[in-house]
Amino acid sequence: RSEMKTGTSKYMSLYPDESTDGGLRLGNVVPDFSAETTQGKWGSFHEWKKGKWAILFSHPADFTPVCTTEIGHLALKYDELKAMDCLVATLSVDPVKSHVEWLEDVVALFEKKIEINFPIIGDADRAISLKYGMIDAGTSKDQPLPLTTRTVFVVNPENKLMLSLNYPACVGRNMDEIIRCVKALQLSYEKSIATPANWPNNHSDMLLADGSRTGMYKGGVFLLPTVSKEEADETFPGYHTFDVPSKVPYLRLVKLGDVVDVKPAAKEVRVRK
């Protein structure tokens, strides 16, 4: 986590640890749970991910077409997420036995070029899905096929929910977008910054105050609104403040190279420690 006093810590303090109505919202500490998985029994989700980033990735049901492609493509991205120190677990309301049998189909669809190295949780009693708001407690018992929503939860090292994505059963998720989101969240957490729209392909052609244009800020990031001018000047000297009609200096852009190490050949982004 960033050591800036007015950065990540102050920004995260704007989000309560828990909601007042029992719903799960951004910034809340996610519910803990025990579970049976394809890699054995868990006594505690919090303990399994202790001190790490984690993705909890739900799918509606085993032996369905979109879910089969999603688990396969997630497997293709697993090593990249692992290198980012981000754990992965998936879940549906099917029992573990069903997961194990179904995974043979997943691997076969990808021509046996993948391995499923992350656990898949069996939530047959729907307890976890209910805790996380993925199904409705009042109606799911009456459904012949109680599908969980196609959801992605990204949880930070302090067990706080940082991002959730919800998709219908008929639309598959984009794994590249999930990777991008995790990179952005980790960068924000470490450096007290916020990534603009379309990051890291933003500000590739930017107008400067002298009328010239530059591409030096491609992939640039904004300082969090809570960061004081004093800490901004000390930590990121030379950041660019946009001159806008309001004259409020809130658009403070930092060059990507001042925040991360970029490997041009592979176009990888790594947080500077």
Protein backbone atom coordinates (compact mmCIF):
# COMPACT_ATOMS: atom_id res chain seq x y z
CA ARG A 1 0.00 0.00 0.00
CA SER A 2 1.14 3.55 -0.76
CA GLU A 3 2.89 5.32 2.11
CA MET A 4 1.47 8.71 1.12
CA LYS A 5 -0.60 9.99 4.07
CA THR A 6 -3.14 11.68 1.82
CA GLY A 7 -3.14 8.89 -0.77
CA THR A 8 -4.52 5.35 -0.75
CA SER A 9 -5.20 5.15 3.00
CA LYS A 10 -7.19 8.38 3.05
CA TYR A 11 -8.99 7.49 -0.17
CA MET A 12 -9.97 4.03 1.12
CA SER A 13 -11.27 5.58 4.35
CA LEU A 14 -14.08 7.09 2.25
CA TYR A 15 -15.48 3.56 1.85
CA PRO A 16 -17.05 1.90 4.93
CA ASP A 17 -15.88 -1.60 5.95
CA GLU A 18 -19.46 -2.84 5.90
CA SER A 19 -22.83 -1.72 4.61
CA THR A 20 -25.77 -0.79 6.80
CA ASP A 21 -28.25 -3.00 4.93
CA GLY A 22 -26.23 -6.20 4.60
CA GLY A 23 -25.43 -5.72 0.92
CA LEU A 24 -21.89 -6.18 -0.39
CA ARG A 25 -20.49 -2.96 -1.81
CA LEU A 26 -17.13 -1.61 -2.94
CA GLY A 27 -14.78 -1.03 -0.01
CA ASN A 28 -16.59 -3.53 2.23
CA VAL A 29 -14.72 -6.42 3.81
CA VAL A 30 -15.93 -9.46 1.89
CA PRO A 31 -17.65 -12.31 3.75
CA ASP A 32 -15.45 -15.15 4.91
CA PHE A 33 -16.52 -18.72 4.23
CA SER A 34 -15.43 -22.34 4.35
CA ALA A 35 -15.83 -24.46 1.24
CA GLU A 36 -15.21 -27.69 -0.62
CA THR A 37 -13.08 -27.10 -3.74
CA THR A 38 -11.43 -29.09 -6.50
CA GLN A 39 -8.17 -28.61 -4.57
CA GLY A 40 -9.50 -29.75 -1.20
CA LYS A 41 -11.41 -28.23 1.70
CA TRP A 42 -10.95 -24.62 2.80
CA GLY A 43 -11.46 -23.65 6.41
CA SER A 44 -11.43 -19.94 5.52
CA PHE A 45 -11.40 -17.94 2.29
CA HIS A 46 -9.68 -15.08 4.14
CA GLU A 47 -6.96 -17.42 5.36
CA TRP A 48 -6.48 -18.95 1.89
CA LYS A 49 -5.82 -15.52 0.38
CA LYS A 50 -4.12 -13.98 3.41
CA GLY A 51 -2.16 -10.87 2.45
CA LYS A 52 -2.75 -11.29 -1.28
CA TRP A 53 -4.96 -9.97 -4.04
CA ALA A 54 -7.59 -12.47 -5.16
CA ILE A 55 -10.25 -12.91 -7.82
CA LEU A 56 -13.46 -14.76 -7.00
CA PHE A 57 -14.94 -15.68 -10.37
CA SER A 58 -18.44 -17.16 -10.41
CA HIS A 59 -20.03 -18.97 -13.32
CA PRO A 60 -23.71 -19.90 -13.70
CA ALA A 61 -23.39 -23.66 -14.19
CA ASP A 62 -21.13 -26.53 -15.24
CA PHE A 63 -21.69 -28.16 -18.63
CA THR A 64 -22.81 -24.91 -20.26
CA PRO A 65 -21.13 -23.44 -23.37
CA VAL A 66 -20.10 -19.92 -22.28
CA CYS A 67 -18.81 -21.07 -18.88
CA THR A 68 -16.68 -23.73 -20.56
CA THR A 69 -14.92 -21.12 -22.70
CA GLU A 70 -14.50 -18.76 -19.74
CA ILE A 71 -12.77 -21.29 -17.50
CA GLY A 72 -10.49 -22.24 -20.38
CA HIS A 73 -9.53 -18.66 -21.16
CA LEU A 74 -9.04 -17.91 -17.47
CA ALA A 75 -6.63 -20.85 -17.37
CA LEU A 76 -4.70 -19.26 -20.26
CA LYS A 77 -4.32 -16.08 -18.17
CA TYR A 78 -3.62 -17.80 -14.87
CA ASP A 79 0.19 -17.62 -15.05
CA GLU A 80 0.00 -13.88 -15.74
CA LEU A 81 -2.25 -13.33 -12.73
CA LYS A 82 -0.01 -15.54 -10.60
CA ALA A 83 2.98 -13.40 -11.59
CA MET A 84 0.99 -10.39 -10.37
CA ASP A 85 0.62 -12.15 -6.99
CA CYS A 86 -3.13 -12.45 -7.55
CA LEU A 87 -4.88 -15.67 -6.56
CA VAL A 88 -7.85 -17.04 -8.51
CA ALA A 89 -10.81 -19.13 -7.41
CA THR A 90 -13.98 -19.85 -9.34
CA LEU A 91 -17.41 -20.92 -8.10
CA SER A 92 -20.83 -22.21 -9.07
CA VAL A 93 -23.70 -23.89 -7.25
CA ASP A 94 -22.66 -27.25 -8.66
CA PRO A 95 -20.98 -29.80 -6.36
CA VAL A 96 -17.24 -30.46 -6.60
CA LYS A 97 -17.83 -33.85 -8.24
CA SER A 98 -19.60 -32.09 -11.11
CA HIS A 99 -16.73 -29.59 -11.45
CA VAL A 100 -14.16 -32.39 -11.71
CA GLU A 101 -16.12 -34.20 -14.43
CA TRP A 102 -16.82 -30.99 -16.35
CA LEU A 103 -13.17 -29.89 -16.34
CA GLU A 104 -12.38 -32.81 -18.63
CA ASP A 105 -14.61 -31.12 -21.22
CA VAL A 106 -12.97 -27.73 -20.63
CA VAL A 107 -9.49 -29.13 -21.23
CA ALA A 108 -10.67 -31.08 -24.28
CA LEU A 109 -12.28 -27.99 -25.84
CA PHE A 110 -8.91 -26.24 -25.63
CA GLU A 111 -7.26 -29.22 -27.34
CA LYS A 112 -5.59 -30.31 -24.09
CA LYS A 113 -3.28 -27.28 -24.23
CA ILE A 114 -4.34 -25.96 -20.81
CA GLU A 115 -4.26 -27.02 -17.19
CA ILE A 116 -6.76 -25.83 -14.58
CA ASN A 117 -4.44 -24.90 -11.72
CA PHE A 118 -6.88 -22.79 -9.69
CA PRO A 119 -9.56 -24.16 -7.35
CA ILE A 120 -13.22 -24.32 -8.27
CA ILE A 121 -15.57 -24.01 -5.32
CA GLY A 122 -18.62 -26.22 -4.94
CA ASP A 123 -21.45 -24.11 -3.55
CA ALA A 124 -24.20 -26.71 -3.73
CA ASP A 125 -26.10 -25.28 -0.76
CA ARG A 126 -25.80 -21.76 -2.28
CA ALA A 127 -24.54 -20.34 1.03
CA ILE A 128 -21.60 -18.46 -0.53
CA SER A 129 -23.65 -17.23 -3.49
CA LEU A 130 -26.21 -15.81 -1.07
CA LYS A 131 -23.55 -14.09 1.06
CA TYR A 132 -22.09 -12.42 -2.01
CA GLY A 133 -25.44 -11.42 -3.51
CA MET A 134 -25.04 -13.62 -6.58
CA ILE A 135 -28.49 -15.16 -6.22
CA ASP A 136 -31.69 -14.00 -4.51
CA ALA A 137 -32.52 -15.80 -1.27
CA GLY A 138 -36.24 -15.25 -1.78
CA THR A 139 -36.54 -16.72 -5.25
CA SER A 140 -33.66 -19.11 -5.94
CA LYS A 141 -35.24 -22.03 -4.09
CA ASP A 142 -38.12 -21.99 -6.57
CA GLN A 143 -35.95 -21.96 -9.67
CA PRO A 144 -35.36 -25.24 -11.53
CA LEU A 145 -31.87 -23.99 -12.48
CA PRO A 146 -30.65 -21.50 -9.83
CA LEU A 147 -27.93 -19.76 -11.82
CA THR A 148 -25.43 -17.57 -10.03
CA THR A 149 -24.74 -14.31 -11.82
CA ARG A 150 -21.62 -14.26 -13.98
CA THR A 151 -19.61 -12.19 -11.50
CA VAL A 152 -16.01 -11.13 -10.91
CA PHE A 153 -14.98 -9.95 -7.45
CA VAL A 154 -11.49 -8.48 -7.04
CA VAL A 155 -10.42 -8.42 -3.39
CA ASN A 156 -7.38 -6.56 -2.03
CA PRO A 157 -4.85 -7.85 0.54
CA GLU A 158 -6.99 -6.43 3.36
CA ASN A 159 -10.00 -8.48 2.19
CA LYS A 160 -11.81 -5.41 0.86
CA LEU A 161 -13.87 -5.55 -2.30
CA MET A 162 -12.21 -3.31 -4.88
CA LEU A 163 -14.15 -4.20 -8.01
CA SER A 164 -17.18 -6.25 -9.04
CA LEU A 165 -18.37 -7.02 -12.55
CA ASN A 166 -21.75 -8.58 -13.28
CA TYR A 167 -22.64 -10.22 -16.58
CA PRO A 168 -25.76 -12.11 -17.67
CA ALA A 169 -25.52 -15.82 -18.40
CA CYS A 170 -25.56 -15.16 -22.16
CA VAL A 171 -22.46 -12.90 -22.30
CA GLY A 172 -18.94 -14.19 -21.68
CA ARG A 173 -16.30 -12.13 -19.91
CA ASN A 174 -13.18 -10.62 -21.46
CA MET A 175 -10.09 -11.93 -19.63
CA ASP A 176 -7.89 -9.12 -20.97
CA GLU A 177 -10.20 -6.59 -19.30
CA ILE A 178 -9.97 -8.46 -16.00
CA ILE A 179 -6.16 -8.40 -16.24
CA ARG A 180 -6.26 -4.67 -17.02
CA CYS A 181 -8.48 -4.01 -14.00
CA VAL A 182 -6.22 -5.92 -11.62
CA LYS A 183 -3.16 -4.04 -12.91
CA ALA A 184 -4.97 -0.72 -12.45
CA LEU A 185 -6.16 -1.60 -8.95
CA GLN A 186 -2.71 -2.73 -7.84
CA LEU A 187 -1.12 0.39 -9.28
CA SER A 188 -3.65 2.61 -7.51
CA TYR A 189 -3.10 0.75 -4.23
CA GLU A 190 0.68 1.02 -4.44
CA LYS A 191 1.03 4.54 -5.85
CA SER A 192 -2.07 6.56 -4.84
CA ILE A 193 -3.13 7.10 -8.44
CA ALA A 194 -6.25 6.63 -10.56
CA THR A 195 -6.20 5.29 -14.11
CA PRO A 196 -8.08 7.33 -16.78
CA ALA A 197 -10.60 5.95 -19.25
CA ASN A 198 -9.05 3.53 -21.76
CA TRP A 199 -5.85 3.21 -19.71
CA PRO A 200 -3.12 2.41 -20.70
CA ASN A 201 -4.02 3.72 -24.18
CA ASN A 202 -4.96 7.19 -22.95
CA HIS A 203 -3.42 10.62 -23.68
CA SER A 204 -1.39 9.44 -26.66
CA ASP A 205 -1.73 12.91 -28.23
CA MET A 206 -2.02 15.76 -25.73
CA LEU A 207 -2.15 19.54 -26.15
CA LEU A 208 0.26 21.49 -23.92
CA ALA A 209 -0.09 25.06 -22.64
CA ASP A 210 2.40 26.38 -25.23
CA GLY A 211 0.28 25.03 -28.09
CA SER A 212 2.53 22.09 -28.89
CA ARG A 213 1.40 18.47 -28.75
CA THR A 214 3.05 15.51 -27.08
CA GLY A 215 2.71 11.78 -26.73
CA MET A 216 4.90 11.65 -23.64
CA TYR A 217 1.90 11.19 -21.38
CA LYS A 218 0.56 8.09 -23.14
CA GLY A 219 -0.61 5.73 -20.42
CA GLY A 220 -0.35 8.50 -17.83
CA VAL A 221 -2.26 8.28 -14.56
CA PHE A 222 -4.04 10.84 -12.38
CA LEU A 223 -3.21 11.47 -8.75
CA LEU A 224 -6.02 10.49 -6.40
CA PRO A 225 -8.20 13.50 -5.46
CA THR A 226 -7.22 13.08 -1.80
CA VAL A 227 -3.47 13.54 -2.47
CA SER A 228 -2.34 16.89 -1.10
CA LYS A 229 -0.35 19.32 -3.22
CA GLU A 230 2.57 18.96 -0.81
CA GLU A 231 2.76 15.18 -1.18
CA ALA A 232 2.12 15.40 -4.92
CA ASP A 233 5.03 17.83 -5.36
CA GLU A 234 7.31 15.69 -3.21
CA THR A 235 6.45 12.30 -4.71
CA PHE A 236 5.80 13.14 -8.34
CA PRO A 237 7.56 16.43 -9.16
CA GLY A 238 6.80 17.61 -12.67
CA TYR A 239 3.27 16.21 -12.90
CA HIS A 240 1.05 18.01 -15.39
CA THR A 241 -2.01 19.95 -14.21
CA PHE A 242 -4.60 20.60 -16.91
CA ASP A 243 -5.79 24.19 -17.25
CA VAL A 244 -9.59 23.91 -17.38
CA PRO A 245 -12.31 26.61 -17.27
CA SER A 246 -13.16 25.90 -13.62
CA LYS A 247 -9.52 26.61 -12.66
CA VAL A 248 -9.80 23.77 -10.11
CA PRO A 249 -6.44 21.89 -10.16
CA TYR A 250 -7.87 18.38 -9.93
CA LEU A 251 -6.59 16.96 -13.23
CA ARG A 252 -3.04 16.10 -12.18
CA LEU A 253 -1.47 13.73 -14.70
CA VAL A 254 1.72 11.77 -14.00
CA LYS A 255 3.81 10.16 -16.73
CA LEU A 256 3.58 6.39 -16.71
CA GLY A 257 7.36 6.13 -16.57
CA ASP A 258 7.39 8.09 -13.30
CA VAL A 259 5.16 5.47 -11.70
CA VAL A 260 6.07 2.12 -13.24
CA ASP A 261 8.82 0.31 -15.10
CA VAL A 262 7.77 -0.34 -18.70
CA LYS A 263 9.40 -3.07 -20.78
CA PRO A 264 8.86 -1.81 -24.35
CA ALA A 265 9.44 -5.11 -26.12
CA ALA A 266 6.79 -6.99 -24.16
CA LYS A 267 4.75 -3.91 -23.29
CA GLU A 268 4.56 -5.07 -19.70
CA VAL A 269 3.79 -2.80 -16.79
CA ARG A 270 5.41 -3.45 -13.44
CA VAL A 271 4.85 -1.47 -10.27
CA ARG A 272 7.98 0.09 -8.86
CA LYS A 273 8.45 -0.92 -5.23
